[in-house]
Amino acid sequence: MYAEPLINRAKEDSMANRRLVFSYLQNKYAVTELFR
């Protein structure tokens, strides 16, 4: 329930989505892996 909405955000690679996902995860390597 926590991860699937964040993964769904990664479909659209925008700065707003990256910042929103980073606010939850606080790990730039995981955010980069998720969006790439």
PDB file of all heavy atoms in Angstrom:
ATOM      1  N   MET A   1       0.824  -1.211   0.000  1.00  0.00           N
ATOM      2  CA  MET A   1       0.000   0.000   0.000  1.00  0.00           C
ATOM      3  C   MET A   1       0.860   1.264   0.000  1.00  0.00           C
ATOM      4  O   MET A   1       0.440   2.306  -0.487  1.00  0.00           O
ATOM      5  CB  MET A   1      -0.930   0.005   1.216  1.00  0.00           C
ATOM      6  CG  MET A   1      -2.020  -1.026   1.143  1.00  0.00           C
ATOM      7  SD  MET A   1      -3.028  -1.085   2.628  1.00  0.00           S
ATOM      8  CE  MET A   1      -3.589   0.587   2.744  1.00  0.00           C
ATOM      9  N   TYR A   2       2.066   1.182   0.543  1.00  0.00           N
ATOM     10  CA  TYR A   2       2.955   2.340   0.615  1.00  0.00           C
ATOM     11  C   TYR A   2       3.748   2.522  -0.676  1.00  0.00           C
ATOM     12  O   TYR A   2       3.928   3.635  -1.160  1.00  0.00           O
ATOM     13  CB  TYR A   2       3.913   2.132   1.807  1.00  0.00           C
ATOM     14  CG  TYR A   2       4.808   3.299   2.117  1.00  0.00           C
ATOM     15  CD1 TYR A   2       4.390   4.308   2.968  1.00  0.00           C
ATOM     16  CD2 TYR A   2       6.090   3.380   1.584  1.00  0.00           C
ATOM     17  CE1 TYR A   2       5.216   5.373   3.273  1.00  0.00           C
ATOM     18  CE2 TYR A   2       6.916   4.438   1.876  1.00  0.00           C
ATOM     19  CZ  TYR A   2       6.476   5.427   2.718  1.00  0.00           C
ATOM     20  OH  TYR A   2       7.292   6.482   3.022  1.00  0.00           O
ATOM     21  N   ALA A   3       4.224   1.417  -1.251  1.00  0.00           N
ATOM     22  CA  ALA A   3       5.170   1.496  -2.366  1.00  0.00           C
ATOM     23  C   ALA A   3       4.492   1.651  -3.726  1.00  0.00           C
ATOM     24  O   ALA A   3       5.029   2.333  -4.601  1.00  0.00           O
ATOM     25  CB  ALA A   3       6.058   0.249  -2.378  1.00  0.00           C
ATOM     26  N   GLU A   4       3.346   1.045  -3.928  1.00  0.00           N
ATOM     27  CA  GLU A   4       2.738   1.068  -5.259  1.00  0.00           C
ATOM     28  C   GLU A   4       2.362   2.464  -5.740  1.00  0.00           C
ATOM     29  O   GLU A   4       2.580   2.774  -6.906  1.00  0.00           O
ATOM     30  CB  GLU A   4       1.554   0.101  -5.325  1.00  0.00           C
ATOM     31  CG  GLU A   4       2.016  -1.335  -5.265  1.00  0.00           C
ATOM     32  CD  GLU A   4       1.209  -2.268  -6.132  1.00  0.00           C
ATOM     33  OE1 GLU A   4       0.315  -1.804  -6.843  1.00  0.00           O
ATOM     34  OE2 GLU A   4       1.507  -3.466  -6.096  1.00  0.00           O
ATOM     35  N   PRO A   5       1.827   3.357  -4.902  1.00  0.00           N
ATOM     36  CA  PRO A   5       1.603   4.716  -5.390  1.00  0.00           C
ATOM     37  C   PRO A   5       2.889   5.441  -5.767  1.00  0.00           C
ATOM     38  O   PRO A   5       2.913   6.234  -6.711  1.00  0.00           O
ATOM     39  CB  PRO A   5       0.905   5.412  -4.213  1.00  0.00           C
ATOM     40  CG  PRO A   5       0.288   4.315  -3.440  1.00  0.00           C
ATOM     41  CD  PRO A   5       1.195   3.146  -3.595  1.00  0.00           C
ATOM     42  N   LEU A   6       3.981   5.156  -5.042  1.00  0.00           N
ATOM     43  CA  LEU A   6       5.261   5.779  -5.374  1.00  0.00           C
ATOM     44  C   LEU A   6       5.798   5.244  -6.698  1.00  0.00           C
ATOM     45  O   LEU A   6       6.340   6.000  -7.512  1.00  0.00           O
ATOM     46  CB  LEU A   6       6.277   5.529  -4.259  1.00  0.00           C
ATOM     47  CG  LEU A   6       5.944   6.140  -2.894  1.00  0.00           C
ATOM     48  CD1 LEU A   6       7.018   5.783  -1.890  1.00  0.00           C
ATOM     49  CD2 LEU A   6       5.781   7.635  -3.000  1.00  0.00           C
ATOM     50  N   ILE A   7       5.635   3.949  -6.923  1.00  0.00           N
ATOM     51  CA  ILE A   7       6.079   3.361  -8.192  1.00  0.00           C
ATOM     52  C   ILE A   7       5.232   3.905  -9.335  1.00  0.00           C
ATOM     53  O   ILE A   7       5.736   4.161 -10.433  1.00  0.00           O
ATOM     54  CB  ILE A   7       6.018   1.826  -8.108  1.00  0.00           C
ATOM     55  CG1 ILE A   7       7.008   1.304  -7.067  1.00  0.00           C
ATOM     56  CG2 ILE A   7       6.309   1.195  -9.452  1.00  0.00           C
ATOM     57  CD1 ILE A   7       6.872  -0.165  -6.752  1.00  0.00           C
ATOM     58  N   ASN A   8       3.958   4.112  -9.075  1.00  0.00           N
ATOM     59  CA  ASN A   8       3.068   4.655 -10.094  1.00  0.00           C
ATOM     60  C   ASN A   8       3.480   6.078 -10.485  1.00  0.00           C
ATOM     61  O   ASN A   8       3.321   6.478 -11.637  1.00  0.00           O
ATOM     62  CB  ASN A   8       1.627   4.633  -9.585  1.00  0.00           C
ATOM     63  CG  ASN A   8       0.636   4.760 -10.694  1.00  0.00           C
ATOM     64  OD1 ASN A   8       0.910   4.364 -11.827  1.00  0.00           O
ATOM     65  ND2 ASN A   8      -0.512   5.298 -10.382  1.00  0.00           N
ATOM     66  N   ARG A   9       4.005   6.847  -9.530  1.00  0.00           N
ATOM     67  CA  ARG A   9       4.492   8.202  -9.823  1.00  0.00           C
ATOM     68  C   ARG A   9       5.662   8.179 -10.797  1.00  0.00           C
ATOM     69  O   ARG A   9       5.875   9.150 -11.521  1.00  0.00           O
ATOM     70  CB  ARG A   9       4.959   8.894  -8.544  1.00  0.00           C
ATOM     71  CG  ARG A   9       3.862   9.291  -7.649  1.00  0.00           C
ATOM     72  CD  ARG A   9       3.457  10.675  -7.967  1.00  0.00           C
ATOM     73  NE  ARG A   9       2.352  11.061  -7.112  1.00  0.00           N
ATOM     74  CZ  ARG A   9       1.625  12.114  -7.308  1.00  0.00           C
ATOM     75  NH1 ARG A   9       1.861  12.898  -8.331  1.00  0.00           N
ATOM     76  NH2 ARG A   9       0.642  12.400  -6.508  1.00  0.00           N
ATOM     77  N   ALA A  10       6.419   7.098 -10.800  1.00  0.00           N
ATOM     78  CA  ALA A  10       7.623   7.028 -11.625  1.00  0.00           C
ATOM     79  C   ALA A  10       7.299   6.902 -13.103  1.00  0.00           C
ATOM     80  O   ALA A  10       8.184   7.075 -13.941  1.00  0.00           O
ATOM     81  CB  ALA A  10       8.502   5.864 -11.183  1.00  0.00           C
ATOM     82  N   LYS A  11       6.060   6.603 -13.453  1.00  0.00           N
ATOM     83  CA  LYS A  11       5.700   6.479 -14.869  1.00  0.00           C
ATOM     84  C   LYS A  11       5.899   7.798 -15.600  1.00  0.00           C
ATOM     85  O   LYS A  11       6.311   7.813 -16.756  1.00  0.00           O
ATOM     86  CB  LYS A  11       4.247   6.047 -15.011  1.00  0.00           C
ATOM     87  CG  LYS A  11       4.020   4.597 -14.753  1.00  0.00           C
ATOM     88  CD  LYS A  11       2.562   4.285 -14.998  1.00  0.00           C
ATOM     89  CE  LYS A  11       2.307   2.811 -14.978  1.00  0.00           C
ATOM     90  NZ  LYS A  11       0.912   2.519 -15.278  1.00  0.00           N
ATOM     91  N   GLU A  12       5.582   8.896 -14.939  1.00  0.00           N
ATOM     92  CA  GLU A  12       5.767  10.209 -15.549  1.00  0.00           C
ATOM     93  C   GLU A  12       6.972  10.871 -14.886  1.00  0.00           C
ATOM     94  O   GLU A  12       6.921  11.247 -13.709  1.00  0.00           O
ATOM     95  CB  GLU A  12       4.519  11.074 -15.341  1.00  0.00           C
ATOM     96  CG  GLU A  12       4.621  12.423 -16.000  1.00  0.00           C
ATOM     97  CD  GLU A  12       3.442  13.310 -15.662  1.00  0.00           C
ATOM     98  OE1 GLU A  12       2.396  12.770 -15.252  1.00  0.00           O
ATOM     99  OE2 GLU A  12       3.577  14.523 -15.804  1.00  0.00           O
ATOM    100  N   ASP A  13       8.060  10.997 -15.630  1.00  0.00           N
ATOM    101  CA  ASP A  13       9.301  11.540 -15.085  1.00  0.00           C
ATOM    102  C   ASP A  13       9.253  13.065 -15.143  1.00  0.00           C
ATOM    103  O   ASP A  13       9.611  13.675 -16.144  1.00  0.00           O
ATOM    104  CB  ASP A  13      10.499  10.999 -15.873  1.00  0.00           C
ATOM    105  CG  ASP A  13      11.812  11.332 -15.184  1.00  0.00           C
ATOM    106  OD1 ASP A  13      11.783  11.915 -14.094  1.00  0.00           O
ATOM    107  OD2 ASP A  13      12.872  10.995 -15.748  1.00  0.00           O
ATOM    108  N   SER A  14       8.804  13.664 -14.056  1.00  0.00           N
ATOM    109  CA  SER A  14       8.798  15.125 -13.957  1.00  0.00           C
ATOM    110  C   SER A  14       9.501  15.514 -12.660  1.00  0.00           C
ATOM    111  O   SER A  14       9.653  14.693 -11.748  1.00  0.00           O
ATOM    112  CB  SER A  14       7.379  15.668 -13.980  1.00  0.00           C
ATOM    113  OG  SER A  14       6.683  15.256 -12.832  1.00  0.00           O
ATOM    114  N   MET A  15       9.912  16.751 -12.573  1.00  0.00           N
ATOM    115  CA  MET A  15      10.602  17.214 -11.371  1.00  0.00           C
ATOM    116  C   MET A  15       9.671  17.142 -10.163  1.00  0.00           C
ATOM    117  O   MET A  15      10.104  16.804  -9.061  1.00  0.00           O
ATOM    118  CB  MET A  15      11.094  18.647 -11.572  1.00  0.00           C
ATOM    119  CG  MET A  15      11.961  19.150 -10.443  1.00  0.00           C
ATOM    120  SD  MET A  15      13.437  18.157 -10.170  1.00  0.00           S
ATOM    121  CE  MET A  15      14.370  18.566 -11.612  1.00  0.00           C
ATOM    122  N   ALA A  16       8.393  17.449 -10.365  1.00  0.00           N
ATOM    123  CA  ALA A  16       7.443  17.390  -9.249  1.00  0.00           C
ATOM    124  C   ALA A  16       7.310  15.967  -8.719  1.00  0.00           C
ATOM    125  O   ALA A  16       7.294  15.749  -7.497  1.00  0.00           O
ATOM    126  CB  ALA A  16       6.082  17.910  -9.707  1.00  0.00           C
ATOM    127  N   ASN A  17       7.226  14.974  -9.618  1.00  0.00           N
ATOM    128  CA  ASN A  17       7.115  13.583  -9.180  1.00  0.00           C
ATOM    129  C   ASN A  17       8.394  13.115  -8.499  1.00  0.00           C
ATOM    130  O   ASN A  17       8.342  12.387  -7.505  1.00  0.00           O
ATOM    131  CB  ASN A  17       6.774  12.677 -10.361  1.00  0.00           C
ATOM    132  CG  ASN A  17       5.323  12.783 -10.744  1.00  0.00           C
ATOM    133  OD1 ASN A  17       4.511  13.293  -9.999  1.00  0.00           O
ATOM    134  ND2 ASN A  17       4.995  12.301 -11.930  1.00  0.00           N
ATOM    135  N   ARG A  18       9.540  13.512  -9.019  1.00  0.00           N
ATOM    136  CA  ARG A  18      10.809  13.135  -8.381  1.00  0.00           C
ATOM    137  C   ARG A  18      10.900  13.717  -6.973  1.00  0.00           C
ATOM    138  O   ARG A  18      11.325  13.036  -6.038  1.00  0.00           O
ATOM    139  CB  ARG A  18      12.002  13.607  -9.209  1.00  0.00           C
ATOM    140  CG  ARG A  18      12.307  12.712 -10.393  1.00  0.00           C
ATOM    141  CD  ARG A  18      13.548  13.217 -11.118  1.00  0.00           C
ATOM    142  NE  ARG A  18      13.853  12.371 -12.234  1.00  0.00           N
ATOM    143  CZ  ARG A  18      14.752  11.381 -12.207  1.00  0.00           C
ATOM    144  NH1 ARG A  18      15.421  11.138 -11.110  1.00  0.00           N
ATOM    145  NH2 ARG A  18      14.966  10.663 -13.270  1.00  0.00           N
ATOM    146  N   ARG A  19      10.506  14.961  -6.818  1.00  0.00           N
ATOM    147  CA  ARG A  19      10.569  15.587  -5.498  1.00  0.00           C
ATOM    148  C   ARG A  19       9.581  14.956  -4.535  1.00  0.00           C
ATOM    149  O   ARG A  19       9.881  14.783  -3.348  1.00  0.00           O
ATOM    150  CB  ARG A  19      10.306  17.085  -5.618  1.00  0.00           C
ATOM    151  CG  ARG A  19      11.474  17.827  -6.205  1.00  0.00           C
ATOM    152  CD  ARG A  19      11.207  19.296  -6.327  1.00  0.00           C
ATOM    153  NE  ARG A  19      12.420  19.971  -6.773  1.00  0.00           N
ATOM    154  CZ  ARG A  19      12.452  21.221  -7.170  1.00  0.00           C
ATOM    155  NH1 ARG A  19      11.345  21.953  -7.211  1.00  0.00           N
ATOM    156  NH2 ARG A  19      13.588  21.769  -7.548  1.00  0.00           N
ATOM    157  N   LEU A  20       8.409  14.603  -5.030  1.00  0.00           N
ATOM    158  CA  LEU A  20       7.409  13.979  -4.175  1.00  0.00           C
ATOM    159  C   LEU A  20       7.888  12.601  -3.703  1.00  0.00           C
ATOM    160  O   LEU A  20       7.786  12.268  -2.515  1.00  0.00           O
ATOM    161  CB  LEU A  20       6.079  13.841  -4.909  1.00  0.00           C
ATOM    162  CG  LEU A  20       4.944  13.403  -4.013  1.00  0.00           C
ATOM    163  CD1 LEU A  20       4.207  14.625  -3.500  1.00  0.00           C
ATOM    164  CD2 LEU A  20       4.016  12.503  -4.748  1.00  0.00           C
ATOM    165  N   VAL A  21       8.429  11.802  -4.621  1.00  0.00           N
ATOM    166  CA  VAL A  21       8.933  10.473  -4.249  1.00  0.00           C
ATOM    167  C   VAL A  21      10.131  10.613  -3.315  1.00  0.00           C
ATOM    168  O   VAL A  21      10.263   9.866  -2.335  1.00  0.00           O
ATOM    169  CB  VAL A  21       9.288   9.654  -5.514  1.00  0.00           C
ATOM    170  CG1 VAL A  21      10.021   8.385  -5.159  1.00  0.00           C
ATOM    171  CG2 VAL A  21       8.025   9.326  -6.282  1.00  0.00           C
ATOM    172  N   PHE A  22      10.992  11.597  -3.568  1.00  0.00           N
ATOM    173  CA  PHE A  22      12.150  11.796  -2.700  1.00  0.00           C
ATOM    174  C   PHE A  22      11.728  12.218  -1.294  1.00  0.00           C
ATOM    175  O   PHE A  22      12.381  11.855  -0.311  1.00  0.00           O
ATOM    176  CB  PHE A  22      13.107  12.832  -3.293  1.00  0.00           C
ATOM    177  CG  PHE A  22      14.353  13.019  -2.481  1.00  0.00           C
ATOM    178  CD1 PHE A  22      15.374  12.087  -2.554  1.00  0.00           C
ATOM    179  CD2 PHE A  22      14.494  14.101  -1.629  1.00  0.00           C
ATOM    180  CE1 PHE A  22      16.527  12.239  -1.789  1.00  0.00           C
ATOM    181  CE2 PHE A  22      15.631  14.265  -0.862  1.00  0.00           C
ATOM    182  CZ  PHE A  22      16.653  13.333  -0.943  1.00  0.00           C
ATOM    183  N   SER A  23      10.616  12.950  -1.187  1.00  0.00           N
ATOM    184  CA  SER A  23      10.149  13.355   0.139  1.00  0.00           C
ATOM    185  C   SER A  23       9.721  12.146   0.969  1.00  0.00           C
ATOM    186  O   SER A  23       9.808  12.172   2.193  1.00  0.00           O
ATOM    187  CB  SER A  23       8.988  14.344   0.023  1.00  0.00           C
ATOM    188  OG  SER A  23       7.826  13.698  -0.436  1.00  0.00           O
ATOM    189  N   TYR A  24       9.280  11.080   0.312  1.00  0.00           N
ATOM    190  CA  TYR A  24       8.921   9.859   1.030  1.00  0.00           C
ATOM    191  C   TYR A  24      10.134   8.972   1.299  1.00  0.00           C
ATOM    192  O   TYR A  24      10.258   8.392   2.369  1.00  0.00           O
ATOM    193  CB  TYR A  24       7.895   9.039   0.234  1.00  0.00           C
ATOM    194  CG  TYR A  24       6.498   9.577   0.311  1.00  0.00           C
ATOM    195  CD1 TYR A  24       6.018  10.441  -0.653  1.00  0.00           C
ATOM    196  CD2 TYR A  24       5.658   9.214   1.350  1.00  0.00           C
ATOM    197  CE1 TYR A  24       4.730  10.939  -0.590  1.00  0.00           C
ATOM    198  CE2 TYR A  24       4.368   9.703   1.428  1.00  0.00           C
ATOM    199  CZ  TYR A  24       3.917  10.565   0.457  1.00  0.00           C
ATOM    200  OH  TYR A  24       2.640  11.061   0.531  1.00  0.00           O
ATOM    201  N   LEU A  25      11.031   8.843   0.332  1.00  0.00           N
ATOM    202  CA  LEU A  25      12.105   7.855   0.439  1.00  0.00           C
ATOM    203  C   LEU A  25      13.396   8.404   1.026  1.00  0.00           C
ATOM    204  O   LEU A  25      14.135   7.676   1.684  1.00  0.00           O
ATOM    205  CB  LEU A  25      12.396   7.238  -0.933  1.00  0.00           C
ATOM    206  CG  LEU A  25      11.245   6.477  -1.576  1.00  0.00           C
ATOM    207  CD1 LEU A  25      11.707   5.853  -2.875  1.00  0.00           C
ATOM    208  CD2 LEU A  25      10.696   5.426  -0.651  1.00  0.00           C
ATOM    209  N   GLN A  26      13.739   9.661   0.742  1.00  0.00           N
ATOM    210  CA  GLN A  26      14.967  10.289   1.245  1.00  0.00           C
ATOM    211  C   GLN A  26      16.228   9.514   0.845  1.00  0.00           C
ATOM    212  O   GLN A  26      17.166   9.376   1.623  1.00  0.00           O
ATOM    213  CB  GLN A  26      14.915  10.430   2.774  1.00  0.00           C
ATOM    214  CG  GLN A  26      13.817  11.322   3.275  1.00  0.00           C
ATOM    215  CD  GLN A  26      14.037  12.782   2.923  1.00  0.00           C
ATOM    216  OE1 GLN A  26      15.134  13.283   3.091  1.00  0.00           O
ATOM    217  NE2 GLN A  26      13.023  13.426   2.403  1.00  0.00           N
ATOM    218  N   ASN A  27      16.232   8.965  -0.362  1.00  0.00           N
ATOM    219  CA  ASN A  27      17.402   8.239  -0.857  1.00  0.00           C
ATOM    220  C   ASN A  27      17.504   8.501  -2.350  1.00  0.00           C
ATOM    221  O   ASN A  27      16.689   7.998  -3.137  1.00  0.00           O
ATOM    222  CB  ASN A  27      17.255   6.744  -0.572  1.00  0.00           C
ATOM    223  CG  ASN A  27      18.493   5.964  -0.930  1.00  0.00           C
ATOM    224  OD1 ASN A  27      19.159   6.241  -1.913  1.00  0.00           O
ATOM    225  ND2 ASN A  27      18.806   4.976  -0.112  1.00  0.00           N
ATOM    226  N   LYS A  28      18.514   9.278  -2.758  1.00  0.00           N
ATOM    227  CA  LYS A  28      18.593   9.688  -4.162  1.00  0.00           C
ATOM    228  C   LYS A  28      18.945   8.529  -5.083  1.00  0.00           C
ATOM    229  O   LYS A  28      18.548   8.524  -6.240  1.00  0.00           O
ATOM    230  CB  LYS A  28      19.579  10.835  -4.344  1.00  0.00           C
ATOM    231  CG  LYS A  28      21.013  10.514  -4.029  1.00  0.00           C
ATOM    232  CD  LYS A  28      21.864  11.749  -4.212  1.00  0.00           C
ATOM    233  CE  LYS A  28      23.316  11.462  -3.896  1.00  0.00           C
ATOM    234  NZ  LYS A  28      24.133  12.655  -4.068  1.00  0.00           N
ATOM    235  N   TYR A  29      19.650   7.516  -4.574  1.00  0.00           N
ATOM    236  CA  TYR A  29      19.991   6.365  -5.415  1.00  0.00           C
ATOM    237  C   TYR A  29      18.744   5.531  -5.735  1.00  0.00           C
ATOM    238  O   TYR A  29      18.577   5.059  -6.855  1.00  0.00           O
ATOM    239  CB  TYR A  29      21.057   5.502  -4.738  1.00  0.00           C
ATOM    240  CG  TYR A  29      22.314   6.277  -4.453  1.00  0.00           C
ATOM    241  CD1 TYR A  29      22.683   6.592  -3.158  1.00  0.00           C
ATOM    242  CD2 TYR A  29      23.110   6.733  -5.499  1.00  0.00           C
ATOM    243  CE1 TYR A  29      23.825   7.319  -2.892  1.00  0.00           C
ATOM    244  CE2 TYR A  29      24.257   7.464  -5.249  1.00  0.00           C
ATOM    245  CZ  TYR A  29      24.609   7.753  -3.942  1.00  0.00           C
ATOM    246  OH  TYR A  29      25.740   8.490  -3.690  1.00  0.00           O
ATOM    247  N   ALA A  30      17.885   5.374  -4.736  1.00  0.00           N
ATOM    248  CA  ALA A  30      16.648   4.624  -4.960  1.00  0.00           C
ATOM    249  C   ALA A  30      15.725   5.389  -5.905  1.00  0.00           C
ATOM    250  O   ALA A  30      15.083   4.792  -6.774  1.00  0.00           O
ATOM    251  CB  ALA A  30      15.946   4.360  -3.634  1.00  0.00           C
ATOM    252  N   VAL A  31      15.651   6.707  -5.760  1.00  0.00           N
ATOM    253  CA  VAL A  31      14.803   7.507  -6.640  1.00  0.00           C
ATOM    254  C   VAL A  31      15.317   7.443  -8.072  1.00  0.00           C
ATOM    255  O   VAL A  31      14.543   7.292  -9.025  1.00  0.00           O
ATOM    256  CB  VAL A  31      14.724   8.967  -6.137  1.00  0.00           C
ATOM    257  CG1 VAL A  31      14.005   9.854  -7.140  1.00  0.00           C
ATOM    258  CG2 VAL A  31      14.023   9.021  -4.794  1.00  0.00           C
ATOM    259  N   THR A  32      16.644   7.506  -8.239  1.00  0.00           N
ATOM    260  CA  THR A  32      17.230   7.411  -9.572  1.00  0.00           C
ATOM    261  C   THR A  32      16.951   6.051 -10.191  1.00  0.00           C
ATOM    262  O   THR A  32      16.574   5.956 -11.364  1.00  0.00           O
ATOM    263  CB  THR A  32      18.751   7.656  -9.504  1.00  0.00           C
ATOM    264  OG1 THR A  32      18.974   8.928  -8.913  1.00  0.00           O
ATOM    265  CG2 THR A  32      19.379   7.608 -10.875  1.00  0.00           C
ATOM    266  N   GLU A  33      17.114   4.988  -9.428  1.00  0.00           N
ATOM    267  CA  GLU A  33      16.833   3.630  -9.905  1.00  0.00           C
ATOM    268  C   GLU A  33      15.365   3.492 -10.298  1.00  0.00           C
ATOM    269  O   GLU A  33      15.042   2.906 -11.328  1.00  0.00           O
ATOM    270  CB  GLU A  33      17.184   2.613  -8.815  1.00  0.00           C
ATOM    271  CG  GLU A  33      16.853   1.188  -9.146  1.00  0.00           C
ATOM    272  CD  GLU A  33      17.863   0.528 -10.057  1.00  0.00           C
ATOM    273  OE1 GLU A  33      18.944   1.086 -10.263  1.00  0.00           O
ATOM    274  OE2 GLU A  33      17.545  -0.560 -10.572  1.00  0.00           O
ATOM    275  N   LEU A  34      14.489   4.053  -9.475  1.00  0.00           N
ATOM    276  CA  LEU A  34      13.050   3.966  -9.730  1.00  0.00           C
ATOM    277  C   LEU A  34      12.672   4.688 -11.016  1.00  0.00           C
ATOM    278  O   LEU A  34      11.954   4.142 -11.855  1.00  0.00           O
ATOM    279  CB  LEU A  34      12.275   4.552  -8.551  1.00  0.00           C
ATOM    280  CG  LEU A  34      10.758   4.593  -8.655  1.00  0.00           C
ATOM    281  CD1 LEU A  34      10.207   3.180  -8.752  1.00  0.00           C
ATOM    282  CD2 LEU A  34      10.176   5.303  -7.462  1.00  0.00           C
ATOM    283  N   PHE A  35      13.183   5.878 -11.231  1.00  0.00           N
ATOM    284  CA  PHE A  35      12.783   6.660 -12.391  1.00  0.00           C
ATOM    285  C   PHE A  35      13.522   6.257 -13.661  1.00  0.00           C
ATOM    286  O   PHE A  35      13.020   6.492 -14.753  1.00  0.00           O
ATOM    287  CB  PHE A  35      12.982   8.157 -12.119  1.00  0.00           C
ATOM    288  CG  PHE A  35      11.844   8.760 -11.347  1.00  0.00           C
ATOM    289  CD1 PHE A  35      11.832   8.735  -9.963  1.00  0.00           C
ATOM    290  CD2 PHE A  35      10.771   9.325 -12.003  1.00  0.00           C
ATOM    291  CE1 PHE A  35      10.781   9.274  -9.255  1.00  0.00           C
ATOM    292  CE2 PHE A  35       9.721   9.873 -11.302  1.00  0.00           C
ATOM    293  CZ  PHE A  35       9.722   9.848  -9.928  1.00  0.00           C
ATOM    294  N   ARG A  36      14.696   5.645 -13.548  1.00  0.00           N
ATOM    295  CA  ARG A  36      15.439   5.231 -14.748  1.00  0.00           C
ATOM    296  C   ARG A  36      15.098   3.815 -15.187  1.00  0.00           C
ATOM    297  O   ARG A  36      14.698   3.584 -16.320  1.00  0.00           O
ATOM    298  CB  ARG A  36      16.945   5.322 -14.490  1.00  0.00           C
ATOM    299  CG  ARG A  36      17.499   6.679 -14.713  1.00  0.00           C
ATOM    300  CD  ARG A  36      19.000   6.621 -14.901  1.00  0.00           C
ATOM    301  NE  ARG A  36      19.523   7.963 -14.877  1.00  0.00           N
ATOM    302  CZ  ARG A  36      20.675   8.312 -14.345  1.00  0.00           C
ATOM    303  NH1 ARG A  36      21.426   7.402 -13.772  1.00  0.00           N
ATOM    304  NH2 ARG A  36      21.067   9.554 -14.361  1.00  0.00           N
TER     305      ARG A  36
END
